Amino acid sequence: MSEMTVTDARSRLSEAVDTARVSHEPVYLLRRGRRVAALIDAEDLARLIEAAEDLEDLRAANTARTEMAETGEGPVPWEEVKAELGLA
Protein backbone atom coordinates (compact mmCIF):
# COMPACT_ATOMS: atom_id res chain seq x y z
CA MET A 1 0.00 0.00 0.00
CA SER A 2 1.40 3.35 -1.05
CA GLU A 3 0.47 6.82 0.03
CA MET A 4 1.46 10.21 -1.32
CA THR A 5 0.18 13.72 -0.99
CA VAL A 6 -1.92 15.20 -3.75
CA THR A 7 0.88 17.72 -4.32
CA ASP A 8 3.42 14.91 -4.78
CA ALA A 9 1.02 13.07 -7.07
CA ARG A 10 0.84 16.10 -9.37
CA SER A 11 4.56 16.00 -9.96
CA ARG A 12 4.88 12.19 -9.88
CA LEU A 13 1.64 11.11 -11.56
CA SER A 14 3.31 8.70 -13.98
CA GLU A 15 5.12 6.98 -11.11
CA ALA A 16 1.91 6.74 -9.05
CA VAL A 17 -0.01 5.24 -11.96
CA ASP A 18 2.74 2.73 -12.67
CA THR A 19 2.86 1.71 -9.00
CA ALA A 20 -0.89 1.07 -8.92
CA ARG A 21 -0.83 -0.74 -12.25
CA VAL A 22 2.15 -2.99 -11.54
CA SER A 23 1.57 -3.76 -7.86
CA HIS A 24 -2.24 -4.05 -8.12
CA GLU A 25 -2.31 -2.16 -4.82
CA PRO A 26 -4.03 1.21 -4.46
CA VAL A 27 -1.97 4.37 -4.21
CA TYR A 28 -3.78 6.56 -1.69
CA LEU A 29 -3.67 10.31 -2.17
CA LEU A 30 -3.48 12.38 0.98
CA ARG A 31 -4.59 15.91 1.72
CA ARG A 32 -3.74 17.27 5.17
CA GLY A 33 -2.81 13.75 6.23
CA ARG A 34 -6.18 12.24 5.29
CA ARG A 35 -6.89 9.87 2.42
CA VAL A 36 -9.01 11.68 -0.15
CA ALA A 37 -8.65 9.49 -3.24
CA ALA A 38 -6.99 6.38 -4.56
CA LEU A 39 -5.40 5.35 -7.84
CA ILE A 40 -6.02 1.75 -8.83
CA ASP A 41 -5.37 -0.36 -11.91
CA ALA A 42 -8.20 -0.07 -14.45
CA GLU A 43 -8.64 -3.86 -14.73
CA ASP A 44 -8.80 -4.14 -10.94
CA LEU A 45 -11.54 -1.48 -10.94
CA ALA A 46 -13.48 -3.38 -13.60
CA ARG A 47 -13.31 -6.55 -11.48
CA LEU A 48 -14.44 -4.64 -8.38
CA ILE A 49 -17.40 -3.15 -10.24
CA GLU A 50 -18.37 -6.57 -11.60
CA ALA A 51 -18.13 -8.12 -8.14
CA ALA A 52 -20.28 -5.33 -6.66
CA GLU A 53 -22.90 -5.83 -9.37
CA ASP A 54 -22.89 -9.60 -8.77
CA LEU A 55 -23.33 -9.04 -5.04
CA GLU A 56 -26.25 -6.68 -5.67
CA ASP A 57 -27.86 -9.32 -7.94
CA LEU A 58 -27.48 -11.93 -5.19
CA ARG A 59 -29.05 -9.59 -2.64
CA ALA A 60 -31.97 -8.87 -4.98
CA ALA A 61 -32.50 -12.60 -5.57
CA ASN A 62 -32.44 -13.29 -1.82
CA THR A 63 -34.94 -10.48 -1.24
CA ALA A 64 -37.23 -11.93 -3.92
CA ARG A 65 -36.98 -15.40 -2.36
CA THR A 66 -37.81 -13.98 1.06
CA GLU A 67 -40.81 -12.09 -0.32
CA MET A 68 -42.07 -15.23 -2.08
CA ALA A 69 -41.73 -17.23 1.14
CA GLU A 70 -43.52 -14.55 3.18
CA THR A 71 -46.43 -14.15 0.74
CA GLY A 72 -46.69 -17.83 -0.17
CA GLU A 73 -46.44 -16.95 -3.84
CA GLY A 74 -44.17 -19.03 -6.02
CA PRO A 75 -42.21 -17.98 -9.05
CA VAL A 76 -44.12 -16.99 -12.19
CA PRO A 77 -43.72 -19.58 -14.95
CA TRP A 78 -41.72 -18.37 -17.96
CA GLU A 79 -44.57 -19.16 -20.37
CA GLU A 80 -46.88 -16.89 -18.34
CA VAL A 81 -44.32 -14.05 -18.40
CA LYS A 82 -43.94 -14.38 -22.18
CA ALA A 83 -47.71 -14.36 -22.65
CA GLU A 84 -48.09 -11.22 -20.50
CA LEU A 85 -45.39 -9.47 -22.56
CA GLY A 86 -46.93 -10.60 -25.84
CA LEU A 87 -43.92 -12.74 -26.71
CA ALA A 88 -45.69 -16.11 -26.79
PDB file of N, CA and C in Angstrom:
ATOM      1  N   MET A   1       0.852  -1.171   0.000  1.00  0.00           N
ATOM      2  CA  MET A   1       0.000   0.000   0.000  1.00  0.00           C
ATOM      3  C   MET A   1       0.896   1.233   0.000  1.00  0.00           C
ATOM      4  N   SER A   2       0.630   2.122  -0.942  1.00  0.00           N
ATOM      5  CA  SER A   2       1.404   3.352  -1.049  1.00  0.00           C
ATOM      6  C   SER A   2       0.529   4.549  -0.726  1.00  0.00           C
ATOM      7  N   GLU A   3       1.157   5.551  -0.229  1.00  0.00           N
ATOM      8  CA  GLU A   3       0.471   6.821   0.032  1.00  0.00           C
ATOM      9  C   GLU A   3       1.364   7.957  -0.452  1.00  0.00           C
ATOM     10  N   MET A   4       0.729   9.000  -0.963  1.00  0.00           N
ATOM     11  CA  MET A   4       1.459  10.212  -1.320  1.00  0.00           C
ATOM     12  C   MET A   4       0.492  11.386  -1.260  1.00  0.00           C
ATOM     13  N   THR A   5       1.038  12.534  -1.041  1.00  0.00           N
ATOM     14  CA  THR A   5       0.179  13.723  -0.991  1.00  0.00           C
ATOM     15  C   THR A   5      -0.308  14.044  -2.392  1.00  0.00           C
ATOM     16  N   VAL A   6      -1.392  14.765  -2.463  1.00  0.00           N
ATOM     17  CA  VAL A   6      -1.916  15.200  -3.749  1.00  0.00           C
ATOM     18  C   VAL A   6      -0.870  16.049  -4.466  1.00  0.00           C
ATOM     19  N   THR A   7      -0.166  16.882  -3.722  1.00  0.00           N
ATOM     20  CA  THR A   7       0.881  17.719  -4.316  1.00  0.00           C
ATOM     21  C   THR A   7       1.967  16.851  -4.943  1.00  0.00           C
ATOM     22  N   ASP A   8       2.420  15.811  -4.224  1.00  0.00           N
ATOM     23  CA  ASP A   8       3.423  14.905  -4.785  1.00  0.00           C
ATOM     24  C   ASP A   8       2.883  14.182  -6.013  1.00  0.00           C
ATOM     25  N   ALA A   9       1.624  13.793  -5.957  1.00  0.00           N
ATOM     26  CA  ALA A   9       1.015  13.071  -7.071  1.00  0.00           C
ATOM     27  C   ALA A   9       0.996  13.918  -8.339  1.00  0.00           C
ATOM     28  N   ARG A  10       0.817  15.217  -8.192  1.00  0.00           N
ATOM     29  CA  ARG A  10       0.841  16.101  -9.368  1.00  0.00           C
ATOM     30  C   ARG A  10       2.171  15.994 -10.099  1.00  0.00           C
ATOM     31  N   SER A  11       3.241  16.001  -9.333  1.00  0.00           N
ATOM     32  CA  SER A  11       4.561  15.996  -9.959  1.00  0.00           C
ATOM     33  C   SER A  11       5.055  14.584 -10.283  1.00  0.00           C
ATOM     34  N   ARG A  12       4.435  13.566  -9.685  1.00  0.00           N
ATOM     35  CA  ARG A  12       4.881  12.186  -9.883  1.00  0.00           C
ATOM     36  C   ARG A  12       3.738  11.295 -10.356  1.00  0.00           C
ATOM     37  N   LEU A  13       2.828  11.850 -11.154  1.00  0.00           N
ATOM     38  CA  LEU A  13       1.640  11.107 -11.561  1.00  0.00           C
ATOM     39  C   LEU A  13       2.000   9.824 -12.300  1.00  0.00           C
ATOM     40  N   SER A  14       2.926   9.888 -13.226  1.00  0.00           N
ATOM     41  CA  SER A  14       3.306   8.699 -13.980  1.00  0.00           C
ATOM     42  C   SER A  14       3.798   7.592 -13.053  1.00  0.00           C
ATOM     43  N   GLU A  15       4.609   7.954 -12.085  1.00  0.00           N
ATOM     44  CA  GLU A  15       5.122   6.983 -11.110  1.00  0.00           C
ATOM     45  C   GLU A  15       3.982   6.389 -10.287  1.00  0.00           C
ATOM     46  N   ALA A  16       3.043   7.218  -9.859  1.00  0.00           N
ATOM     47  CA  ALA A  16       1.911   6.740  -9.051  1.00  0.00           C
ATOM     48  C   ALA A  16       1.047   5.778  -9.855  1.00  0.00           C
ATOM     49  N   VAL A  17       0.794   6.110 -11.104  1.00  0.00           N
ATOM     50  CA  VAL A  17      -0.015   5.243 -11.962  1.00  0.00           C
ATOM     51  C   VAL A  17       0.696   3.912 -12.175  1.00  0.00           C
ATOM     52  N   ASP A  18       1.984   3.963 -12.469  1.00  0.00           N
ATOM     53  CA  ASP A  18       2.744   2.729 -12.674  1.00  0.00           C
ATOM     54  C   ASP A  18       2.753   1.864 -11.420  1.00  0.00           C
ATOM     55  N   THR A  19       2.875   2.471 -10.264  1.00  0.00           N
ATOM     56  CA  THR A  19       2.862   1.713  -8.999  1.00  0.00           C
ATOM     57  C   THR A  19       1.528   0.990  -8.831  1.00  0.00           C
ATOM     58  N   ALA A  20       0.431   1.687  -9.057  1.00  0.00           N
ATOM     59  CA  ALA A  20      -0.893   1.069  -8.916  1.00  0.00           C
ATOM     60  C   ALA A  20      -1.088  -0.030  -9.953  1.00  0.00           C
ATOM     61  N   ARG A  21      -0.641   0.216 -11.171  1.00  0.00           N
ATOM     62  CA  ARG A  21      -0.830  -0.744 -12.254  1.00  0.00           C
ATOM     63  C   ARG A  21      -0.006  -2.004 -12.046  1.00  0.00           C
ATOM     64  N   VAL A  22       1.247  -1.849 -11.669  1.00  0.00           N
ATOM     65  CA  VAL A  22       2.152  -2.991 -11.543  1.00  0.00           C
ATOM     66  C   VAL A  22       1.905  -3.779 -10.253  1.00  0.00           C
ATOM     67  N   SER A  23       1.712  -3.076  -9.152  1.00  0.00           N
ATOM     68  CA  SER A  23       1.569  -3.759  -7.858  1.00  0.00           C
ATOM     69  C   SER A  23       0.148  -4.252  -7.598  1.00  0.00           C
ATOM     70  N   HIS A  24      -0.818  -3.737  -8.347  1.00  0.00           N
ATOM     71  CA  HIS A  24      -2.238  -4.051  -8.116  1.00  0.00           C
ATOM     72  C   HIS A  24      -2.650  -3.701  -6.692  1.00  0.00           C
ATOM     73  N   GLU A  25      -1.983  -2.716  -6.133  1.00  0.00           N
ATOM     74  CA  GLU A  25      -2.311  -2.158  -4.823  1.00  0.00           C
ATOM     75  C   GLU A  25      -2.689  -0.696  -5.034  1.00  0.00           C
ATOM     76  N   PRO A  26      -3.667  -0.195  -4.289  1.00  0.00           N
ATOM     77  CA  PRO A  26      -4.026   1.214  -4.463  1.00  0.00           C
ATOM     78  C   PRO A  26      -2.909   2.143  -4.000  1.00  0.00           C
ATOM     79  N   VAL A  27      -2.839   3.279  -4.651  1.00  0.00           N
ATOM     80  CA  VAL A  27      -1.972   4.372  -4.210  1.00  0.00           C
ATOM     81  C   VAL A  27      -2.918   5.428  -3.651  1.00  0.00           C
ATOM     82  N   TYR A  28      -2.880   5.622  -2.342  1.00  0.00           N
ATOM     83  CA  TYR A  28      -3.781   6.563  -1.691  1.00  0.00           C
ATOM     84  C   TYR A  28      -3.207   7.968  -1.778  1.00  0.00           C
ATOM     85  N   LEU A  29      -4.059   8.912  -2.116  1.00  0.00           N
ATOM     86  CA  LEU A  29      -3.665  10.311  -2.175  1.00  0.00           C
ATOM     87  C   LEU A  29      -4.135  11.009  -0.911  1.00  0.00           C
ATOM     88  N   LEU A  30      -3.219  11.746  -0.309  1.00  0.00           N
ATOM     89  CA  LEU A  30      -3.483  12.383   0.978  1.00  0.00           C
ATOM     90  C   LEU A  30      -3.583  13.894   0.833  1.00  0.00           C
ATOM     91  N   ARG A  31      -4.491  14.460   1.586  1.00  0.00           N
ATOM     92  CA  ARG A  31      -4.592  15.914   1.720  1.00  0.00           C
ATOM     93  C   ARG A  31      -4.714  16.190   3.211  1.00  0.00           C
ATOM     94  N   ARG A  32      -3.788  16.976   3.727  1.00  0.00           N
ATOM     95  CA  ARG A  32      -3.739  17.268   5.168  1.00  0.00           C
ATOM     96  C   ARG A  32      -3.708  15.988   6.003  1.00  0.00           C
ATOM     97  N   GLY A  33      -2.983  14.988   5.495  1.00  0.00           N
ATOM     98  CA  GLY A  33      -2.807  13.746   6.228  1.00  0.00           C
ATOM     99  C   GLY A  33      -3.958  12.764   6.145  1.00  0.00           C
ATOM    100  N   ARG A  34      -5.009  13.119   5.416  1.00  0.00           N
ATOM    101  CA  ARG A  34      -6.180  12.238   5.292  1.00  0.00           C
ATOM    102  C   ARG A  34      -6.288  11.707   3.871  1.00  0.00           C
ATOM    103  N   ARG A  35      -6.672  10.457   3.742  1.00  0.00           N
ATOM    104  CA  ARG A  35      -6.892   9.873   2.418  1.00  0.00           C
ATOM    105  C   ARG A  35      -8.104  10.529   1.767  1.00  0.00           C
ATOM    106  N   VAL A  36      -7.913  11.031   0.556  1.00  0.00           N
ATOM    107  CA  VAL A  36      -9.012  11.684  -0.146  1.00  0.00           C
ATOM    108  C   VAL A  36      -9.347  11.009  -1.477  1.00  0.00           C
ATOM    109  N   ALA A  37      -8.432  10.180  -1.973  1.00  0.00           N
ATOM    110  CA  ALA A  37      -8.653   9.493  -3.240  1.00  0.00           C
ATOM    111  C   ALA A  37      -7.674   8.334  -3.333  1.00  0.00           C
ATOM    112  N   ALA A  38      -7.896   7.503  -4.344  1.00  0.00           N
ATOM    113  CA  ALA A  38      -6.985   6.378  -4.561  1.00  0.00           C
ATOM    114  C   ALA A  38      -6.849   6.122  -6.053  1.00  0.00           C
ATOM    115  N   LEU A  39      -5.646   5.792  -6.470  1.00  0.00           N
ATOM    116  CA  LEU A  39      -5.395   5.353  -7.836  1.00  0.00           C
ATOM    117  C   LEU A  39      -5.341   3.836  -7.816  1.00  0.00           C
ATOM    118  N   ILE A  40      -6.093   3.200  -8.735  1.00  0.00           N
ATOM    119  CA  ILE A  40      -6.022   1.748  -8.833  1.00  0.00           C
ATOM    120  C   ILE A  40      -5.942   1.366 -10.303  1.00  0.00           C
ATOM    121  N   ASP A  41      -5.459   0.162 -10.554  1.00  0.00           N
ATOM    122  CA  ASP A  41      -5.371  -0.360 -11.905  1.00  0.00           C
ATOM    123  C   ASP A  41      -6.772  -0.453 -12.519  1.00  0.00           C
ATOM    124  N   ALA A  42      -6.896  -0.097 -13.786  1.00  0.00           N
ATOM    125  CA  ALA A  42      -8.202  -0.074 -14.450  1.00  0.00           C
ATOM    126  C   ALA A  42      -8.856  -1.456 -14.478  1.00  0.00           C
ATOM    127  N   GLU A  43      -8.074  -2.502 -14.711  1.00  0.00           N
ATOM    128  CA  GLU A  43      -8.640  -3.856 -14.728  1.00  0.00           C
ATOM    129  C   GLU A  43      -9.105  -4.270 -13.335  1.00  0.00           C
ATOM    130  N   ASP A  44      -8.373  -3.852 -12.313  1.00  0.00           N
ATOM    131  CA  ASP A  44      -8.804  -4.135 -10.940  1.00  0.00           C
ATOM    132  C   ASP A  44     -10.133  -3.439 -10.656  1.00  0.00           C
ATOM    133  N   LEU A  45     -10.282  -2.207 -11.121  1.00  0.00           N
ATOM    134  CA  LEU A  45     -11.539  -1.484 -10.937  1.00  0.00           C
ATOM    135  C   LEU A  45     -12.676  -2.204 -11.641  1.00  0.00           C
ATOM    136  N   ALA A  46     -12.441  -2.662 -12.861  1.00  0.00           N
ATOM    137  CA  ALA A  46     -13.484  -3.375 -13.603  1.00  0.00           C
ATOM    138  C   ALA A  46     -13.925  -4.624 -12.843  1.00  0.00           C
ATOM    139  N   ARG A  47     -12.959  -5.350 -12.265  1.00  0.00           N
ATOM    140  CA  ARG A  47     -13.305  -6.549 -11.484  1.00  0.00           C
ATOM    141  C   ARG A  47     -14.088  -6.178 -10.231  1.00  0.00           C
ATOM    142  N   LEU A  48     -13.714  -5.082  -9.578  1.00  0.00           N
ATOM    143  CA  LEU A  48     -14.440  -4.644  -8.383  1.00  0.00           C
ATOM    144  C   LEU A  48     -15.878  -4.255  -8.717  1.00  0.00           C
ATOM    145  N   ILE A  49     -16.058  -3.548  -9.821  1.00  0.00           N
ATOM    146  CA  ILE A  49     -17.404  -3.151 -10.238  1.00  0.00           C
ATOM    147  C   ILE A  49     -18.239  -4.385 -10.554  1.00  0.00           C
ATOM    148  N   GLU A  50     -17.659  -5.345 -11.273  1.00  0.00           N
ATOM    149  CA  GLU A  50     -18.374  -6.567 -11.605  1.00  0.00           C
ATOM    150  C   GLU A  50     -18.758  -7.339 -10.342  1.00  0.00           C
ATOM    151  N   ALA A  51     -17.842  -7.421  -9.394  1.00  0.00           N
ATOM    152  CA  ALA A  51     -18.129  -8.119  -8.138  1.00  0.00           C
ATOM    153  C   ALA A  51     -19.243  -7.408  -7.366  1.00  0.00           C
ATOM    154  N   ALA A  52     -19.231  -6.087  -7.355  1.00  0.00           N
ATOM    155  CA  ALA A  52     -20.276  -5.330  -6.657  1.00  0.00           C
ATOM    156  C   ALA A  52     -21.634  -5.557  -7.322  1.00  0.00           C
ATOM    157  N   GLU A  53     -21.646  -5.591  -8.660  1.00  0.00           N
ATOM    158  CA  GLU A  53     -22.901  -5.835  -9.374  1.00  0.00           C
ATOM    159  C   GLU A  53     -23.408  -7.253  -9.100  1.00  0.00           C
ATOM    160  N   ASP A  54     -22.496  -8.220  -9.084  1.00  0.00           N
ATOM    161  CA  ASP A  54     -22.894  -9.604  -8.770  1.00  0.00           C
ATOM    162  C   ASP A  54     -23.469  -9.695  -7.364  1.00  0.00           C
ATOM    163  N   LEU A  55     -22.834  -9.025  -6.416  1.00  0.00           N
ATOM    164  CA  LEU A  55     -23.326  -9.038  -5.037  1.00  0.00           C
ATOM    165  C   LEU A  55     -24.716  -8.413  -4.957  1.00  0.00           C
ATOM    166  N   GLU A  56     -24.936  -7.320  -5.669  1.00  0.00           N
ATOM    167  CA  GLU A  56     -26.255  -6.685  -5.668  1.00  0.00           C
ATOM    168  C   GLU A  56     -27.300  -7.618  -6.272  1.00  0.00           C
ATOM    169  N   ASP A  57     -26.938  -8.341  -7.346  1.00  0.00           N
ATOM    170  CA  ASP A  57     -27.865  -9.317  -7.935  1.00  0.00           C
ATOM    171  C   ASP A  57     -28.216 -10.410  -6.939  1.00  0.00           C
ATOM    172  N   LEU A  58     -27.216 -10.893  -6.197  1.00  0.00           N
ATOM    173  CA  LEU A  58     -27.478 -11.928  -5.191  1.00  0.00           C
ATOM    174  C   LEU A  58     -28.403 -11.408  -4.095  1.00  0.00           C
ATOM    175  N   ARG A  59     -28.181 -10.178  -3.668  1.00  0.00           N
ATOM    176  CA  ARG A  59     -29.053  -9.588  -2.641  1.00  0.00           C
ATOM    177  C   ARG A  59     -30.483  -9.453  -3.148  1.00  0.00           C
ATOM    178  N   ALA A  60     -30.633  -9.019  -4.403  1.00  0.00           N
ATOM    179  CA  ALA A  60     -31.973  -8.874  -4.978  1.00  0.00           C
ATOM    180  C   ALA A  60     -32.662 -10.232  -5.076  1.00  0.00           C
ATOM    181  N   ALA A  61     -31.919 -11.257  -5.468  1.00  0.00           N
ATOM    182  CA  ALA A  61     -32.497 -12.598  -5.567  1.00  0.00           C
ATOM    183  C   ALA A  61     -32.914 -13.101  -4.185  1.00  0.00           C
ATOM    184  N   ASN A  62     -32.082 -12.866  -3.186  1.00  0.00           N
ATOM    185  CA  ASN A  62     -32.438 -13.287  -1.824  1.00  0.00           C
ATOM    186  C   ASN A  62     -33.668 -12.541  -1.322  1.00  0.00           C
ATOM    187  N   THR A  63     -33.764 -11.260  -1.629  1.00  0.00           N
ATOM    188  CA  THR A  63     -34.941 -10.477  -1.242  1.00  0.00           C
ATOM    189  C   THR A  63     -36.193 -11.036  -1.909  1.00  0.00           C
ATOM    190  N   ALA A  64     -36.083 -11.371  -3.194  1.00  0.00           N
ATOM    191  CA  ALA A  64     -37.229 -11.926  -3.918  1.00  0.00           C
ATOM    192  C   ALA A  64     -37.645 -13.269  -3.316  1.00  0.00           C
ATOM    193  N   ARG A  65     -36.660 -14.110  -2.979  1.00  0.00           N
ATOM    194  CA  ARG A  65     -36.984 -15.398  -2.362  1.00  0.00           C
ATOM    195  C   ARG A  65     -37.682 -15.210  -1.011  1.00  0.00           C
ATOM    196  N   THR A  66     -37.204 -14.253  -0.242  1.00  0.00           N
ATOM    197  CA  THR A  66     -37.809 -13.975   1.063  1.00  0.00           C
ATOM    198  C   THR A  66     -39.242 -13.498   0.892  1.00  0.00           C
ATOM    199  N   GLU A  67     -39.454 -12.587  -0.067  1.00  0.00           N
ATOM    200  CA  GLU A  67     -40.811 -12.087  -0.321  1.00  0.00           C
ATOM    201  C   GLU A  67     -41.739 -13.209  -0.768  1.00  0.00           C
ATOM    202  N   MET A  68     -41.240 -14.107  -1.630  1.00  0.00           N
ATOM    203  CA  MET A  68     -42.071 -15.228  -2.081  1.00  0.00           C
ATOM    204  C   MET A  68     -42.425 -16.129  -0.900  1.00  0.00           C
ATOM    205  N   ALA A  69     -41.470 -16.377  -0.022  1.00  0.00           N
ATOM    206  CA  ALA A  69     -41.726 -17.231   1.142  1.00  0.00           C
ATOM    207  C   ALA A  69     -42.729 -16.577   2.083  1.00  0.00           C
ATOM    208  N   GLU A  70     -42.628 -15.260   2.266  1.00  0.00           N
ATOM    209  CA  GLU A  70     -43.520 -14.547   3.184  1.00  0.00           C
ATOM    210  C   GLU A  70     -44.941 -14.461   2.642  1.00  0.00           C
ATOM    211  N   THR A  71     -45.094 -14.310   1.329  1.00  0.00           N
ATOM    212  CA  THR A  71     -46.425 -14.153   0.740  1.00  0.00           C
ATOM    213  C   THR A  71     -47.028 -15.483   0.316  1.00  0.00           C
ATOM    214  N   GLY A  72     -46.192 -16.527   0.266  1.00  0.00           N
ATOM    215  CA  GLY A  72     -46.685 -17.825  -0.172  1.00  0.00           C
ATOM    216  C   GLY A  72     -46.806 -17.939  -1.675  1.00  0.00           C
ATOM    217  N   GLU A  73     -46.393 -16.911  -2.382  1.00  0.00           N
ATOM    218  CA  GLU A  73     -46.437 -16.948  -3.842  1.00  0.00           C
ATOM    219  C   GLU A  73     -45.161 -17.588  -4.373  1.00  0.00           C
ATOM    220  N   GLY A  74     -45.330 -18.393  -5.402  1.00  0.00           N
ATOM    221  CA  GLY A  74     -44.173 -19.030  -6.021  1.00  0.00           C
ATOM    222  C   GLY A  74     -43.699 -18.202  -7.202  1.00  0.00           C
ATOM    223  N   PRO A  75     -42.698 -18.691  -7.869  1.00  0.00           N
ATOM    224  CA  PRO A  75     -42.210 -17.982  -9.050  1.00  0.00           C
ATOM    225  C   PRO A  75     -43.247 -18.036 -10.167  1.00  0.00           C
ATOM    226  N   VAL A  76     -43.209 -17.047 -11.054  1.00  0.00           N
ATOM    227  CA  VAL A  76     -44.119 -16.992 -12.189  1.00  0.00           C
ATOM    228  C   VAL A  76     -43.503 -17.821 -13.314  1.00  0.00           C
ATOM    229  N   PRO A  77     -44.250 -18.757 -13.860  1.00  0.00           N
ATOM    230  CA  PRO A  77     -43.716 -19.581 -14.949  1.00  0.00           C
ATOM    231  C   PRO A  77     -43.326 -18.724 -16.160  1.00  0.00           C
ATOM    232  N   TRP A  78     -42.244 -19.119 -16.823  1.00  0.00           N
ATOM    233  CA  TRP A  78     -41.719 -18.367 -17.961  1.00  0.00           C
ATOM    234  C   TRP A  78     -42.762 -18.214 -19.059  1.00  0.00           C
ATOM    235  N   GLU A  79     -43.539 -19.236 -19.326  1.00  0.00           N
ATOM    236  CA  GLU A  79     -44.567 -19.160 -20.371  1.00  0.00           C
ATOM    237  C   GLU A  79     -45.596 -18.080 -20.041  1.00  0.00           C
ATOM    238  N   GLU A  80     -45.928 -17.942 -18.754  1.00  0.00           N
ATOM    239  CA  GLU A  80     -46.877 -16.893 -18.335  1.00  0.00           C
ATOM    240  C   GLU A  80     -46.269 -15.503 -18.530  1.00  0.00           C
ATOM    241  N   VAL A  81     -44.995 -15.344 -18.215  1.00  0.00           N
ATOM    242  CA  VAL A  81     -44.320 -14.054 -18.403  1.00  0.00           C
ATOM    243  C   VAL A  81     -44.312 -13.691 -19.881  1.00  0.00           C
ATOM    244  N   LYS A  82     -43.963 -14.645 -20.734  1.00  0.00           N
ATOM    245  CA  LYS A  82     -43.938 -14.376 -22.182  1.00  0.00           C
ATOM    246  C   LYS A  82     -45.316 -13.991 -22.684  1.00  0.00           C
ATOM    247  N   ALA A  83     -46.354 -14.667 -22.215  1.00  0.00           N
ATOM    248  CA  ALA A  83     -47.709 -14.355 -22.646  1.00  0.00           C
ATOM    249  C   ALA A  83     -48.101 -12.942 -22.227  1.00  0.00           C
ATOM    250  N   GLU A  84     -47.755 -12.552 -20.989  1.00  0.00           N
ATOM    251  CA  GLU A  84     -48.089 -11.217 -20.498  1.00  0.00           C
ATOM    252  C   GLU A  84     -47.358 -10.133 -21.295  1.00  0.00           C
ATOM    253  N   LEU A  85     -46.167 -10.443 -21.780  1.00  0.00           N
ATOM    254  CA  LEU A  85     -45.390  -9.474 -22.562  1.00  0.00           C
ATOM    255  C   LEU A  85     -45.690  -9.550 -24.053  1.00  0.00           C
ATOM    256  N   GLY A  86     -46.589 -10.454 -24.448  1.00  0.00           N
ATOM    257  CA  GLY A  86     -46.933 -10.595 -25.844  1.00  0.00           C
ATOM    258  C   GLY A  86     -45.842 -11.265 -26.667  1.00  0.00           C
ATOM    259  N   LEU A  87     -45.039 -12.085 -26.026  1.00  0.00           N
ATOM    260  CA  LEU A  87     -43.924 -12.738 -26.714  1.00  0.00           C
ATOM    261  C   LEU A  87     -44.225 -14.206 -27.046  1.00  0.00           C
ATOM    262  N   ALA A  88     -45.375 -14.689 -26.593  1.00  0.00           N
ATOM    263  CA  ALA A  88     -45.692 -16.114 -26.787  1.00  0.00           C
ATOM    264  C   ALA A  88     -46.322 -16.338 -28.140  1.00  0.00           C
TER     265      ALA A  88
END
